Amino acid sequence: MAAARFILAFICFAATGSFGQPGGYLLSKHSQDRDRIIAIAASQLGVKELTGNNDGVAVESYLAVTGLKKGYPWCAAYVSWVYRKAGFAKPNSAWSPDMFPASRITKDALSGNLIGIYFPELKRIAHVGILVKQEGNYMVSLEGNTNIAGSREGEGVYLKRRHFRTIYKMADWMKEGRKLP
């Protein structure tokens, strides 16, 4: 399993190297920090909840970064954990709407930026993921607490492909640094 995660992380990392090429990905402003975010997020591919109740060693470590214990939805906690591992103090929240303050909103589809999925029944962003790349009209992202169908209440970390029209907002938490000392 560790070898598979390493290979998937390497593929995601390598795929980010051709941004901005004609006919290629629309991602630019590539940096080592963005590479690190993607590599850390991809290293968690295949993580699953232990019992399907927002639990398990990895899931609980994501939640712990935000001050929560097992049992809570964890898509935003996963994002916070990834950023913390990459050396960033923020974002740091288990609530997905917190990931999209006005000061962080962007239209740039850059690797490592966050994507927010809006749920009309909740009248808010209710799921968040980390953008890997844009492929035409689709965004490829790494997401926690989802499943093959793309649910916001899933059981694992997945690489998802979503149509750009399903992305409500994007946020850039790497501009202006905010790295831990």
C-alpha atoms as a PDB file:
ATOM      1  CA  MET A   1       0.000   0.000   0.000  1.00  0.00           C
ATOM      2  CA  ALA A   2       2.838   2.405   0.829  1.00  0.00           C
ATOM      3  CA  ALA A   3       4.462   1.677  -2.538  1.00  0.00           C
ATOM      4  CA  ALA A   4       1.174   2.382  -4.333  1.00  0.00           C
ATOM      5  CA  ARG A   5       0.793   5.700  -2.497  1.00  0.00           C
ATOM      6  CA  PHE A   6       4.349   6.666  -3.391  1.00  0.00           C
ATOM      7  CA  ILE A   7       3.755   5.851  -7.059  1.00  0.00           C
ATOM      8  CA  LEU A   8       0.480   7.827  -7.118  1.00  0.00           C
ATOM      9  CA  ALA A   9       2.165  10.764  -5.365  1.00  0.00           C
ATOM     10  CA  PHE A  10       4.982  10.653  -7.920  1.00  0.00           C
ATOM     11  CA  ILE A  11       2.502  10.590 -10.824  1.00  0.00           C
ATOM     12  CA  CYS A  12       0.578  13.571  -9.424  1.00  0.00           C
ATOM     13  CA  PHE A  13       3.845  15.410  -8.774  1.00  0.00           C
ATOM     14  CA  ALA A  14       5.165  14.659 -12.264  1.00  0.00           C
ATOM     15  CA  ALA A  15       1.870  15.623 -13.907  1.00  0.00           C
ATOM     16  CA  THR A  16       2.119  19.123 -12.489  1.00  0.00           C
ATOM     17  CA  GLY A  17       5.298  19.810 -14.463  1.00  0.00           C
ATOM     18  CA  SER A  18       3.650  20.713 -17.799  1.00  0.00           C
ATOM     19  CA  PHE A  19       1.343  23.523 -16.730  1.00  0.00           C
ATOM     20  CA  GLY A  20       0.961  26.457 -19.023  1.00  0.00           C
ATOM     21  CA  GLN A  21       1.917  24.556 -22.179  1.00  0.00           C
ATOM     22  CA  PRO A  22      -0.158  25.267 -25.297  1.00  0.00           C
ATOM     23  CA  GLY A  23      -3.035  22.806 -25.308  1.00  0.00           C
ATOM     24  CA  GLY A  24      -1.966  21.630 -21.867  1.00  0.00           C
ATOM     25  CA  TYR A  25      -3.061  22.498 -18.387  1.00  0.00           C
ATOM     26  CA  LEU A  26      -4.112  26.004 -17.497  1.00  0.00           C
ATOM     27  CA  LEU A  27      -2.136  25.917 -14.281  1.00  0.00           C
ATOM     28  CA  SER A  28       0.797  28.261 -13.968  1.00  0.00           C
ATOM     29  CA  LYS A  29       2.814  30.012 -11.230  1.00  0.00           C
ATOM     30  CA  HIS A  30       4.209  26.635 -10.341  1.00  0.00           C
ATOM     31  CA  SER A  31       6.302  26.505  -7.161  1.00  0.00           C
ATOM     32  CA  GLN A  32       7.981  24.125  -4.788  1.00  0.00           C
ATOM     33  CA  ASP A  33       5.284  24.821  -2.196  1.00  0.00           C
ATOM     34  CA  ARG A  34       2.573  23.801  -4.643  1.00  0.00           C
ATOM     35  CA  ASP A  35       4.508  20.630  -5.514  1.00  0.00           C
ATOM     36  CA  ARG A  36       4.866  19.831  -1.820  1.00  0.00           C
ATOM     37  CA  ILE A  37       1.115  20.321  -1.180  1.00  0.00           C
ATOM     38  CA  ILE A  38       0.225  17.942  -4.020  1.00  0.00           C
ATOM     39  CA  ALA A  39       2.802  15.336  -3.002  1.00  0.00           C
ATOM     40  CA  ILE A  40       1.625  15.318   0.623  1.00  0.00           C
ATOM     41  CA  ALA A  41      -2.059  15.188  -0.372  1.00  0.00           C
ATOM     42  CA  ALA A  42      -1.386  12.379  -2.880  1.00  0.00           C
ATOM     43  CA  SER A  43       0.536  10.388  -0.267  1.00  0.00           C
ATOM     44  CA  GLN A  44      -2.801   9.894   1.491  1.00  0.00           C
ATOM     45  CA  LEU A  45      -4.609   8.350  -1.495  1.00  0.00           C
ATOM     46  CA  GLY A  46      -6.236   5.137  -0.376  1.00  0.00           C
ATOM     47  CA  VAL A  47      -6.707   6.181   3.261  1.00  0.00           C
ATOM     48  CA  LYS A  48     -10.079   4.864   4.428  1.00  0.00           C
ATOM     49  CA  GLU A  49     -12.163   5.288   7.554  1.00  0.00           C
ATOM     50  CA  LEU A  50     -11.837   2.370   9.937  1.00  0.00           C
ATOM     51  CA  THR A  51     -15.562   1.751  10.537  1.00  0.00           C
ATOM     52  CA  GLY A  52     -17.251   4.252   8.211  1.00  0.00           C
ATOM     53  CA  ASN A  53     -17.890   6.640  11.115  1.00  0.00           C
ATOM     54  CA  ASN A  54     -15.271   9.342  10.440  1.00  0.00           C
ATOM     55  CA  ASP A  55     -12.597   7.389  12.320  1.00  0.00           C
ATOM     56  CA  GLY A  56      -9.303   5.563  11.920  1.00  0.00           C
ATOM     57  CA  VAL A  57      -5.708   6.514  12.672  1.00  0.00           C
ATOM     58  CA  ALA A  58      -5.170   8.768   9.642  1.00  0.00           C
ATOM     59  CA  VAL A  59      -8.639  10.352   9.755  1.00  0.00           C
ATOM     60  CA  GLU A  60      -8.234  11.095  13.468  1.00  0.00           C
ATOM     61  CA  SER A  61      -4.836  12.706  12.789  1.00  0.00           C
ATOM     62  CA  TYR A  62      -6.459  15.000  10.197  1.00  0.00           C
ATOM     63  CA  LEU A  63      -9.176  15.967  12.690  1.00  0.00           C
ATOM     64  CA  ALA A  64      -6.631  16.488  15.494  1.00  0.00           C
ATOM     65  CA  VAL A  65      -4.913  19.278  13.513  1.00  0.00           C
ATOM     66  CA  THR A  66      -8.161  21.246  13.825  1.00  0.00           C
ATOM     67  CA  GLY A  67      -8.757  20.331  17.472  1.00  0.00           C
ATOM     68  CA  LEU A  68     -11.438  17.711  16.845  1.00  0.00           C
ATOM     69  CA  LYS A  69     -11.687  14.049  17.739  1.00  0.00           C
ATOM     70  CA  LYS A  70     -13.097  11.187  15.668  1.00  0.00           C
ATOM     71  CA  GLY A  71     -16.651  11.269  14.437  1.00  0.00           C
ATOM     72  CA  TYR A  72     -16.709  14.603  12.603  1.00  0.00           C
ATOM     73  CA  PRO A  73     -16.765  15.186   8.835  1.00  0.00           C
ATOM     74  CA  TRP A  74     -13.147  15.615   7.759  1.00  0.00           C
ATOM     75  CA  CYS A  75     -12.736  16.976   4.216  1.00  0.00           C
ATOM     76  CA  ALA A  76     -11.576  20.378   5.519  1.00  0.00           C
ATOM     77  CA  ALA A  77      -9.498  18.767   8.270  1.00  0.00           C
ATOM     78  CA  TYR A  78      -7.693  16.727   5.586  1.00  0.00           C
ATOM     79  CA  VAL A  79      -6.874  19.958   3.717  1.00  0.00           C
ATOM     80  CA  SER A  80      -5.680  21.590   6.959  1.00  0.00           C
ATOM     81  CA  TRP A  81      -3.507  18.545   7.747  1.00  0.00           C
ATOM     82  CA  VAL A  82      -1.922  18.642   4.273  1.00  0.00           C
ATOM     83  CA  TYR A  83      -1.117  22.342   4.556  1.00  0.00           C
ATOM     84  CA  ARG A  84       0.276  21.897   8.074  1.00  0.00           C
ATOM     85  CA  LYS A  85       2.538  19.057   6.881  1.00  0.00           C
ATOM     86  CA  ALA A  86       3.761  21.380   4.102  1.00  0.00           C
ATOM     87  CA  GLY A  87       4.674  24.020   6.698  1.00  0.00           C
ATOM     88  CA  PHE A  88       1.681  26.370   6.483  1.00  0.00           C
ATOM     89  CA  ALA A  89      -0.147  27.643   9.564  1.00  0.00           C
ATOM     90  CA  LYS A  90      -3.367  28.180   7.610  1.00  0.00           C
ATOM     91  CA  PRO A  91      -5.879  27.110   6.531  1.00  0.00           C
ATOM     92  CA  ASN A  92      -6.713  25.420   9.802  1.00  0.00           C
ATOM     93  CA  SER A  93     -10.382  24.549  10.136  1.00  0.00           C
ATOM     94  CA  ALA A  94     -12.637  21.527   9.970  1.00  0.00           C
ATOM     95  CA  TRP A  95     -15.484  23.602   8.475  1.00  0.00           C
ATOM     96  CA  SER A  96     -15.311  23.826   4.686  1.00  0.00           C
ATOM     97  CA  PRO A  97     -16.805  27.357   4.372  1.00  0.00           C
ATOM     98  CA  ASP A  98     -13.851  28.657   6.427  1.00  0.00           C
ATOM     99  CA  MET A  99     -11.555  27.670   3.571  1.00  0.00           C
ATOM    100  CA  PHE A 100     -12.994  30.395   1.319  1.00  0.00           C
ATOM    101  CA  PRO A 101     -12.689  33.845   2.938  1.00  0.00           C
ATOM    102  CA  ALA A 102     -12.975  36.789   0.542  1.00  0.00           C
ATOM    103  CA  SER A 103      -9.249  37.553   0.923  1.00  0.00           C
ATOM    104  CA  ARG A 104      -8.316  34.121  -0.490  1.00  0.00           C
ATOM    105  CA  ILE A 105     -10.764  33.796  -3.392  1.00  0.00           C
ATOM    106  CA  THR A 106      -9.116  33.398  -6.795  1.00  0.00           C
ATOM    107  CA  LYS A 107     -10.026  32.562 -10.358  1.00  0.00           C
ATOM    108  CA  ASP A 108      -6.603  30.997 -10.959  1.00  0.00           C
ATOM    109  CA  ALA A 109      -6.709  27.214 -11.320  1.00  0.00           C
ATOM    110  CA  LEU A 110      -3.309  26.649  -9.733  1.00  0.00           C
ATOM    111  CA  SER A 111      -2.162  23.346  -8.310  1.00  0.00           C
ATOM    112  CA  GLY A 112      -2.520  23.374  -4.541  1.00  0.00           C
ATOM    113  CA  ASN A 113      -5.404  25.835  -4.572  1.00  0.00           C
ATOM    114  CA  LEU A 114      -8.623  24.744  -2.913  1.00  0.00           C
ATOM    115  CA  ILE A 115     -11.895  23.995  -4.665  1.00  0.00           C
ATOM    116  CA  GLY A 116     -15.232  24.461  -2.927  1.00  0.00           C
ATOM    117  CA  ILE A 117     -18.348  22.505  -3.808  1.00  0.00           C
ATOM    118  CA  TYR A 118     -21.656  24.243  -3.048  1.00  0.00           C
ATOM    119  CA  PHE A 119     -24.628  22.228  -1.807  1.00  0.00           C
ATOM    120  CA  PRO A 120     -27.936  24.048  -2.439  1.00  0.00           C
ATOM    121  CA  GLU A 121     -29.776  22.069   0.247  1.00  0.00           C
ATOM    122  CA  LEU A 122     -27.305  23.430   2.832  1.00  0.00           C
ATOM    123  CA  LYS A 123     -27.010  26.853   1.161  1.00  0.00           C
ATOM    124  CA  ARG A 124     -23.229  26.816   1.574  1.00  0.00           C
ATOM    125  CA  ILE A 125     -19.953  25.269   0.500  1.00  0.00           C
ATOM    126  CA  ALA A 126     -20.058  21.844   2.103  1.00  0.00           C
ATOM    127  CA  HIS A 127     -17.047  20.076   0.580  1.00  0.00           C
ATOM    128  CA  VAL A 128     -13.467  21.077  -0.166  1.00  0.00           C
ATOM    129  CA  GLY A 129     -10.590  19.518  -2.080  1.00  0.00           C
ATOM    130  CA  ILE A 130      -7.073  20.356  -3.254  1.00  0.00           C
ATOM    131  CA  LEU A 131      -6.708  21.143  -6.957  1.00  0.00           C
ATOM    132  CA  VAL A 132      -4.110  19.047  -8.761  1.00  0.00           C
ATOM    133  CA  LYS A 133      -4.676  20.295 -12.304  1.00  0.00           C
ATOM    134  CA  GLN A 134      -7.212  21.432 -14.854  1.00  0.00           C
ATOM    135  CA  GLU A 135      -7.892  19.232 -17.884  1.00  0.00           C
ATOM    136  CA  GLY A 136     -10.029  21.176 -20.319  1.00  0.00           C
ATOM    137  CA  ASN A 137     -13.410  21.645 -18.641  1.00  0.00           C
ATOM    138  CA  TYR A 138     -12.496  19.392 -15.711  1.00  0.00           C
ATOM    139  CA  MET A 139     -10.682  19.918 -12.447  1.00  0.00           C
ATOM    140  CA  VAL A 140      -8.685  17.041 -10.980  1.00  0.00           C
ATOM    141  CA  SER A 141      -8.500  17.219  -7.196  1.00  0.00           C
ATOM    142  CA  LEU A 142      -7.423  15.292  -4.122  1.00  0.00           C
ATOM    143  CA  GLU A 143     -10.253  15.088  -1.605  1.00  0.00           C
ATOM    144  CA  GLY A 144     -10.823  13.597   1.807  1.00  0.00           C
ATOM    145  CA  ASN A 145     -14.119  12.274   3.196  1.00  0.00           C
ATOM    146  CA  THR A 146     -15.458  11.464  -0.244  1.00  0.00           C
ATOM    147  CA  ASN A 147     -16.040   8.323  -2.310  1.00  0.00           C
ATOM    148  CA  ILE A 148     -16.102   7.156  -5.912  1.00  0.00           C
ATOM    149  CA  ALA A 149     -19.411   8.956  -6.485  1.00  0.00           C
ATOM    150  CA  GLY A 150     -17.983  12.233  -5.120  1.00  0.00           C
ATOM    151  CA  SER A 151     -20.082  12.445  -1.965  1.00  0.00           C
ATOM    152  CA  ARG A 152     -19.244  14.948   0.761  1.00  0.00           C
ATOM    153  CA  GLU A 153     -19.822  12.178   3.308  1.00  0.00           C
ATOM    154  CA  GLY A 154     -17.606   9.443   1.909  1.00  0.00           C
ATOM    155  CA  GLU A 155     -15.112   7.147   3.554  1.00  0.00           C
ATOM    156  CA  GLY A 156     -11.704   7.920   2.094  1.00  0.00           C
ATOM    157  CA  VAL A 157      -9.171  10.014   0.214  1.00  0.00           C
ATOM    158  CA  TYR A 158      -9.700   9.957  -3.546  1.00  0.00           C
ATOM    159  CA  LEU A 159      -8.441  11.582  -6.720  1.00  0.00           C
ATOM    160  CA  LYS A 160     -11.581  13.148  -8.228  1.00  0.00           C
ATOM    161  CA  ARG A 161     -12.360  14.620 -11.635  1.00  0.00           C
ATOM    162  CA  ARG A 162     -15.102  17.251 -11.486  1.00  0.00           C
ATOM    163  CA  HIS A 163     -16.554  19.485 -14.198  1.00  0.00           C
ATOM    164  CA  PHE A 164     -15.515  23.099 -13.682  1.00  0.00           C
ATOM    165  CA  ARG A 165     -19.188  24.123 -13.437  1.00  0.00           C
ATOM    166  CA  THR A 166     -19.478  22.131 -10.204  1.00  0.00           C
ATOM    167  CA  ILE A 167     -16.713  24.218  -8.604  1.00  0.00           C
ATOM    168  CA  TYR A 168     -18.335  27.080  -6.711  1.00  0.00           C
ATOM    169  CA  LYS A 169     -15.162  28.850  -5.545  1.00  0.00           C
ATOM    170  CA  MET A 170     -11.402  28.483  -5.489  1.00  0.00           C
ATOM    171  CA  ALA A 171      -9.058  29.753  -2.790  1.00  0.00           C
ATOM    172  CA  ASP A 172      -5.313  30.386  -2.825  1.00  0.00           C
ATOM    173  CA  TRP A 173      -3.740  29.902   0.605  1.00  0.00           C
ATOM    174  CA  MET A 174      -0.176  30.107  -0.685  1.00  0.00           C
ATOM    175  CA  LYS A 175      -0.123  33.727  -1.760  1.00  0.00           C
ATOM    176  CA  GLU A 176       1.631  35.878   0.805  1.00  0.00           C
ATOM    177  CA  GLY A 177       3.218  32.794   2.361  1.00  0.00           C
ATOM    178  CA  ARG A 178       1.932  32.335   5.927  1.00  0.00           C
ATOM    179  CA  LYS A 179       4.400  29.558   6.526  1.00  0.00           C
ATOM    180  CA  LEU A 180       5.117  28.304  10.011  1.00  0.00           C
ATOM    181  CA  PRO A 181       8.359  29.602  11.585  1.00  0.00           C
END
